[in-house]
Amino acid sequence: MPCLFALIALISPRLALFLVWLLTPLVSRVFDSLLIPFLGFIFLPMTTLMYVLVYSPGFGVSGFGYLLVLVGFLIDLGSYGGSRYQNRYRSRRGEWD
């Protein structure tokens, strides 16, 4: 089951975050309000998912958890950068003129 969840998280981090939010109390343990996880769901889904998974009540995020959150952030930045590069390439070829 964890391997299936990891596959879902790699394919669609928003779906994985939604499933964690819906099926477990982890998101409510980490965040007090709904605004920050909702913004994370929209803009940085992999970062938010990693933060929710490595957070420990009473201790927060520490050690190796920071590295995993950073990896999630880099994955999010890579997805935005890759889509920007593809859109620039398309506009040069005249598909969006």
N, C-alpha and C. Protein backbone atom coordinates (compact mmCIF):
# COMPACT_ATOMS: atom_id res chain seq x y z
N MET A 1 0.81 -1.20 0.00
CA MET A 1 0.00 0.00 0.00
C MET A 1 0.86 1.27 0.00
N PRO A 2 1.95 1.35 0.78
CA PRO A 2 2.78 2.55 0.72
C PRO A 2 3.39 2.77 -0.67
N CYS A 3 3.71 1.71 -1.38
CA CYS A 3 4.26 1.87 -2.73
C CYS A 3 3.23 2.45 -3.68
N LEU A 4 1.98 2.04 -3.52
CA LEU A 4 0.90 2.59 -4.34
C LEU A 4 0.72 4.07 -4.04
N PHE A 5 0.78 4.44 -2.77
CA PHE A 5 0.66 5.85 -2.41
C PHE A 5 1.83 6.66 -2.97
N ALA A 6 3.03 6.12 -2.92
CA ALA A 6 4.19 6.83 -3.48
C ALA A 6 4.04 7.02 -4.98
N LEU A 7 3.51 6.03 -5.67
CA LEU A 7 3.26 6.15 -7.10
C LEU A 7 2.21 7.22 -7.39
N ILE A 8 1.15 7.26 -6.60
CA ILE A 8 0.12 8.29 -6.76
C ILE A 8 0.73 9.67 -6.50
N ALA A 9 1.59 9.78 -5.48
CA ALA A 9 2.21 11.06 -5.15
C ALA A 9 3.12 11.54 -6.26
N LEU A 10 3.83 10.63 -6.92
CA LEU A 10 4.70 11.04 -8.02
C LEU A 10 3.91 11.43 -9.26
N ILE A 11 2.82 10.73 -9.52
CA ILE A 11 2.02 11.04 -10.70
C ILE A 11 1.17 12.29 -10.47
N SER A 12 0.53 12.38 -9.32
CA SER A 12 -0.35 13.51 -9.03
C SER A 12 -0.26 13.87 -7.55
N PRO A 13 0.62 14.80 -7.19
CA PRO A 13 0.75 15.16 -5.78
C PRO A 13 -0.52 15.79 -5.21
N ARG A 14 -1.30 16.47 -6.03
CA ARG A 14 -2.55 17.04 -5.54
C ARG A 14 -3.54 15.94 -5.13
N LEU A 15 -3.61 14.88 -5.92
CA LEU A 15 -4.49 13.76 -5.56
C LEU A 15 -4.01 13.09 -4.27
N ALA A 16 -2.70 12.91 -4.14
CA ALA A 16 -2.16 12.29 -2.93
C ALA A 16 -2.43 13.17 -1.71
N LEU A 17 -2.25 14.48 -1.85
CA LEU A 17 -2.51 15.39 -0.73
C LEU A 17 -4.00 15.38 -0.38
N PHE A 18 -4.85 15.33 -1.39
CA PHE A 18 -6.29 15.25 -1.14
C PHE A 18 -6.65 13.96 -0.40
N LEU A 19 -6.04 12.85 -0.80
CA LEU A 19 -6.32 11.58 -0.12
C LEU A 19 -5.84 11.59 1.32
N VAL A 20 -4.67 12.17 1.56
CA VAL A 20 -4.17 12.28 2.94
C VAL A 20 -5.09 13.17 3.75
N TRP A 21 -5.55 14.26 3.15
CA TRP A 21 -6.43 15.21 3.83
C TRP A 21 -7.78 14.55 4.15
N LEU A 22 -8.27 13.75 3.22
CA LEU A 22 -9.58 13.14 3.37
C LEU A 22 -9.57 11.91 4.29
N LEU A 23 -8.52 11.09 4.22
CA LEU A 23 -8.53 9.80 4.90
C LEU A 23 -7.75 9.75 6.21
N THR A 24 -6.92 10.74 6.49
CA THR A 24 -6.13 10.72 7.72
C THR A 24 -6.25 12.06 8.45
N PRO A 25 -5.93 12.10 9.73
CA PRO A 25 -5.96 13.37 10.46
C PRO A 25 -4.63 14.14 10.40
N LEU A 26 -3.72 13.76 9.50
CA LEU A 26 -2.39 14.37 9.48
C LEU A 26 -2.42 15.86 9.15
N VAL A 27 -3.24 16.26 8.20
CA VAL A 27 -3.27 17.68 7.80
C VAL A 27 -3.81 18.54 8.93
N SER A 28 -4.82 18.07 9.63
CA SER A 28 -5.36 18.85 10.74
C SER A 28 -4.40 18.90 11.92
N ARG A 29 -3.51 17.92 12.06
CA ARG A 29 -2.49 17.97 13.12
C ARG A 29 -1.42 19.01 12.81
N VAL A 30 -1.10 19.16 11.55
CA VAL A 30 -0.02 20.05 11.16
C VAL A 30 -0.48 21.50 11.10
N PHE A 31 -1.62 21.76 10.48
CA PHE A 31 -2.09 23.12 10.26
C PHE A 31 -3.33 23.40 11.09
N ASP A 32 -3.39 24.61 11.67
CA ASP A 32 -4.53 25.00 12.48
C ASP A 32 -5.69 25.50 11.63
N SER A 33 -5.38 26.22 10.56
CA SER A 33 -6.43 26.77 9.70
C SER A 33 -6.47 26.00 8.37
N LEU A 34 -7.44 26.31 7.55
CA LEU A 34 -7.56 25.66 6.25
C LEU A 34 -6.89 26.46 5.14
N LEU A 35 -6.52 27.71 5.42
CA LEU A 35 -5.97 28.57 4.37
C LEU A 35 -4.61 28.09 3.88
N ILE A 36 -3.70 27.80 4.78
CA ILE A 36 -2.34 27.42 4.37
C ILE A 36 -2.31 26.07 3.64
N PRO A 37 -3.00 25.03 4.11
CA PRO A 37 -2.98 23.80 3.31
C PRO A 37 -3.69 23.97 1.97
N PHE A 38 -4.71 24.82 1.91
CA PHE A 38 -5.38 25.06 0.64
C PHE A 38 -4.46 25.77 -0.34
N LEU A 39 -3.72 26.77 0.13
CA LEU A 39 -2.75 27.45 -0.73
C LEU A 39 -1.63 26.50 -1.15
N GLY A 40 -1.21 25.64 -0.24
CA GLY A 40 -0.22 24.63 -0.58
C GLY A 40 -0.75 23.65 -1.61
N PHE A 41 -2.03 23.29 -1.51
CA PHE A 41 -2.66 22.41 -2.48
C PHE A 41 -2.66 23.05 -3.87
N ILE A 42 -2.88 24.36 -3.94
CA ILE A 42 -2.93 25.07 -5.22
C ILE A 42 -1.54 25.29 -5.80
N PHE A 43 -0.62 25.84 -5.01
CA PHE A 43 0.66 26.33 -5.54
C PHE A 43 1.83 25.36 -5.36
N LEU A 44 1.97 24.72 -4.22
CA LEU A 44 3.11 23.84 -3.93
C LEU A 44 2.62 22.51 -3.35
N PRO A 45 1.99 21.68 -4.16
CA PRO A 45 1.39 20.46 -3.61
C PRO A 45 2.41 19.45 -3.08
N MET A 46 3.53 19.26 -3.76
CA MET A 46 4.50 18.26 -3.30
C MET A 46 5.19 18.74 -2.02
N THR A 47 5.47 20.02 -1.91
CA THR A 47 6.07 20.56 -0.70
C THR A 47 5.13 20.38 0.49
N THR A 48 3.86 20.71 0.28
CA THR A 48 2.87 20.56 1.35
C THR A 48 2.70 19.10 1.74
N LEU A 49 2.67 18.22 0.75
CA LEU A 49 2.54 16.79 1.04
C LEU A 49 3.73 16.28 1.84
N MET A 50 4.93 16.64 1.44
CA MET A 50 6.13 16.21 2.19
C MET A 50 6.12 16.77 3.61
N TYR A 51 5.73 18.04 3.76
CA TYR A 51 5.69 18.65 5.08
C TYR A 51 4.70 17.92 5.99
N VAL A 52 3.53 17.59 5.44
CA VAL A 52 2.52 16.87 6.23
C VAL A 52 3.03 15.49 6.62
N LEU A 53 3.73 14.82 5.72
CA LEU A 53 4.19 13.46 6.01
C LEU A 53 5.35 13.40 6.98
N VAL A 54 6.22 14.41 7.01
CA VAL A 54 7.39 14.35 7.91
C VAL A 54 7.17 15.09 9.23
N TYR A 55 6.07 15.80 9.37
CA TYR A 55 5.81 16.55 10.59
C TYR A 55 5.52 15.60 11.75
N SER A 56 6.13 15.89 12.88
CA SER A 56 5.91 15.10 14.09
C SER A 56 5.33 16.00 15.17
N PRO A 57 4.17 15.67 15.72
CA PRO A 57 3.57 16.52 16.75
C PRO A 57 4.50 16.66 17.95
N GLY A 58 4.66 17.88 18.40
CA GLY A 58 5.53 18.15 19.53
C GLY A 58 6.95 18.49 19.12
N PHE A 59 7.43 17.97 18.01
CA PHE A 59 8.79 18.23 17.55
C PHE A 59 8.84 19.06 16.28
N GLY A 60 7.84 18.97 15.45
CA GLY A 60 7.85 19.67 14.17
C GLY A 60 8.65 18.87 13.15
N VAL A 61 9.33 19.59 12.30
CA VAL A 61 10.17 18.96 11.27
C VAL A 61 11.61 19.10 11.71
N SER A 62 12.37 18.01 11.63
CA SER A 62 13.78 18.09 12.02
C SER A 62 14.59 17.09 11.22
N GLY A 63 15.87 17.38 11.12
CA GLY A 63 16.82 16.45 10.50
C GLY A 63 16.53 16.13 9.06
N PHE A 64 16.32 14.84 8.78
CA PHE A 64 16.10 14.34 7.44
C PHE A 64 14.79 14.88 6.84
N GLY A 65 13.87 15.26 7.70
CA GLY A 65 12.60 15.82 7.24
C GLY A 65 12.78 17.09 6.44
N TYR A 66 13.73 17.94 6.87
CA TYR A 66 14.00 19.17 6.12
C TYR A 66 14.48 18.86 4.71
N LEU A 67 15.28 17.83 4.58
CA LEU A 67 15.75 17.43 3.25
C LEU A 67 14.59 16.96 2.37
N LEU A 68 13.67 16.20 2.94
CA LEU A 68 12.52 15.73 2.16
C LEU A 68 11.61 16.89 1.75
N VAL A 69 11.42 17.86 2.63
CA VAL A 69 10.62 19.04 2.27
C VAL A 69 11.32 19.83 1.17
N LEU A 70 12.64 19.94 1.24
CA LEU A 70 13.40 20.62 0.20
C LEU A 70 13.28 19.89 -1.13
N VAL A 71 13.32 18.57 -1.11
CA VAL A 71 13.15 17.78 -2.35
C VAL A 71 11.76 18.02 -2.93
N GLY A 72 10.75 18.06 -2.09
CA GLY A 72 9.39 18.37 -2.56
C GLY A 72 9.31 19.75 -3.18
N PHE A 73 9.99 20.72 -2.57
CA PHE A 73 10.01 22.08 -3.11
C PHE A 73 10.71 22.12 -4.47
N LEU A 74 11.81 21.39 -4.59
CA LEU A 74 12.52 21.35 -5.87
C LEU A 74 11.70 20.66 -6.96
N ILE A 75 10.94 19.65 -6.59
CA ILE A 75 10.04 19.00 -7.55
C ILE A 75 8.97 19.99 -8.02
N ASP A 76 8.41 20.75 -7.09
CA ASP A 76 7.42 21.76 -7.48
C ASP A 76 8.03 22.82 -8.40
N LEU A 77 9.21 23.31 -8.05
CA LEU A 77 9.86 24.30 -8.91
C LEU A 77 10.19 23.73 -10.27
N GLY A 78 10.62 22.48 -10.30
CA GLY A 78 10.92 21.84 -11.57
C GLY A 78 9.70 21.69 -12.46
N SER A 79 8.55 21.42 -11.86
CA SER A 79 7.34 21.31 -12.67
C SER A 79 6.93 22.65 -13.24
N TYR A 80 7.09 23.72 -12.45
CA TYR A 80 6.77 25.05 -12.97
C TYR A 80 7.77 25.48 -14.03
N GLY A 81 9.04 25.22 -13.79
CA GLY A 81 10.07 25.60 -14.76
C GLY A 81 9.95 24.81 -16.05
N GLY A 82 9.64 23.53 -15.96
CA GLY A 82 9.50 22.70 -17.15
C GLY A 82 8.31 23.13 -17.99
N SER A 83 7.21 23.48 -17.34
CA SER A 83 6.04 23.92 -18.11
C SER A 83 6.29 25.28 -18.75
N ARG A 84 7.04 26.14 -18.08
CA ARG A 84 7.36 27.45 -18.66
C ARG A 84 8.26 27.27 -19.87
N TYR A 85 9.22 26.37 -19.79
CA TYR A 85 10.11 26.12 -20.91
C TYR A 85 9.33 25.57 -22.10
N GLN A 86 8.42 24.64 -21.85
CA GLN A 86 7.62 24.07 -22.93
C GLN A 86 6.73 25.12 -23.57
N ASN A 87 6.15 26.01 -22.78
CA ASN A 87 5.30 27.06 -23.34
C ASN A 87 6.11 28.03 -24.17
N ARG A 88 7.31 28.33 -23.77
CA ARG A 88 8.17 29.22 -24.55
C ARG A 88 8.55 28.55 -25.87
N TYR A 89 8.81 27.25 -25.82
CA TYR A 89 9.15 26.52 -27.03
C TYR A 89 7.98 26.48 -28.00
N ARG A 90 6.77 26.30 -27.49
CA ARG A 90 5.60 26.28 -28.35
C ARG A 90 5.35 27.61 -29.00
N SER A 91 5.55 28.71 -28.24
CA SER A 91 5.28 30.02 -28.81
C SER A 91 6.29 30.37 -29.90
N ARG A 92 7.49 29.85 -29.84
CA ARG A 92 8.47 30.09 -30.89
C ARG A 92 8.10 29.36 -32.17
N ARG A 93 7.49 28.21 -32.03
CA ARG A 93 7.11 27.45 -33.22
C ARG A 93 5.83 27.98 -33.84
N GLY A 94 5.15 28.88 -33.18
CA GLY A 94 3.96 29.49 -33.75
C GLY A 94 2.67 28.78 -33.44
N GLU A 95 2.67 27.87 -32.46
CA GLU A 95 1.44 27.18 -32.13
C GLU A 95 0.47 28.07 -31.36
N TRP A 96 0.97 29.08 -30.68
CA TRP A 96 0.10 29.93 -29.88
C TRP A 96 0.00 31.32 -30.45
N ASP A 97 0.22 31.52 -31.69
CA ASP A 97 0.13 32.86 -32.29
C ASP A 97 -1.28 33.25 -32.61
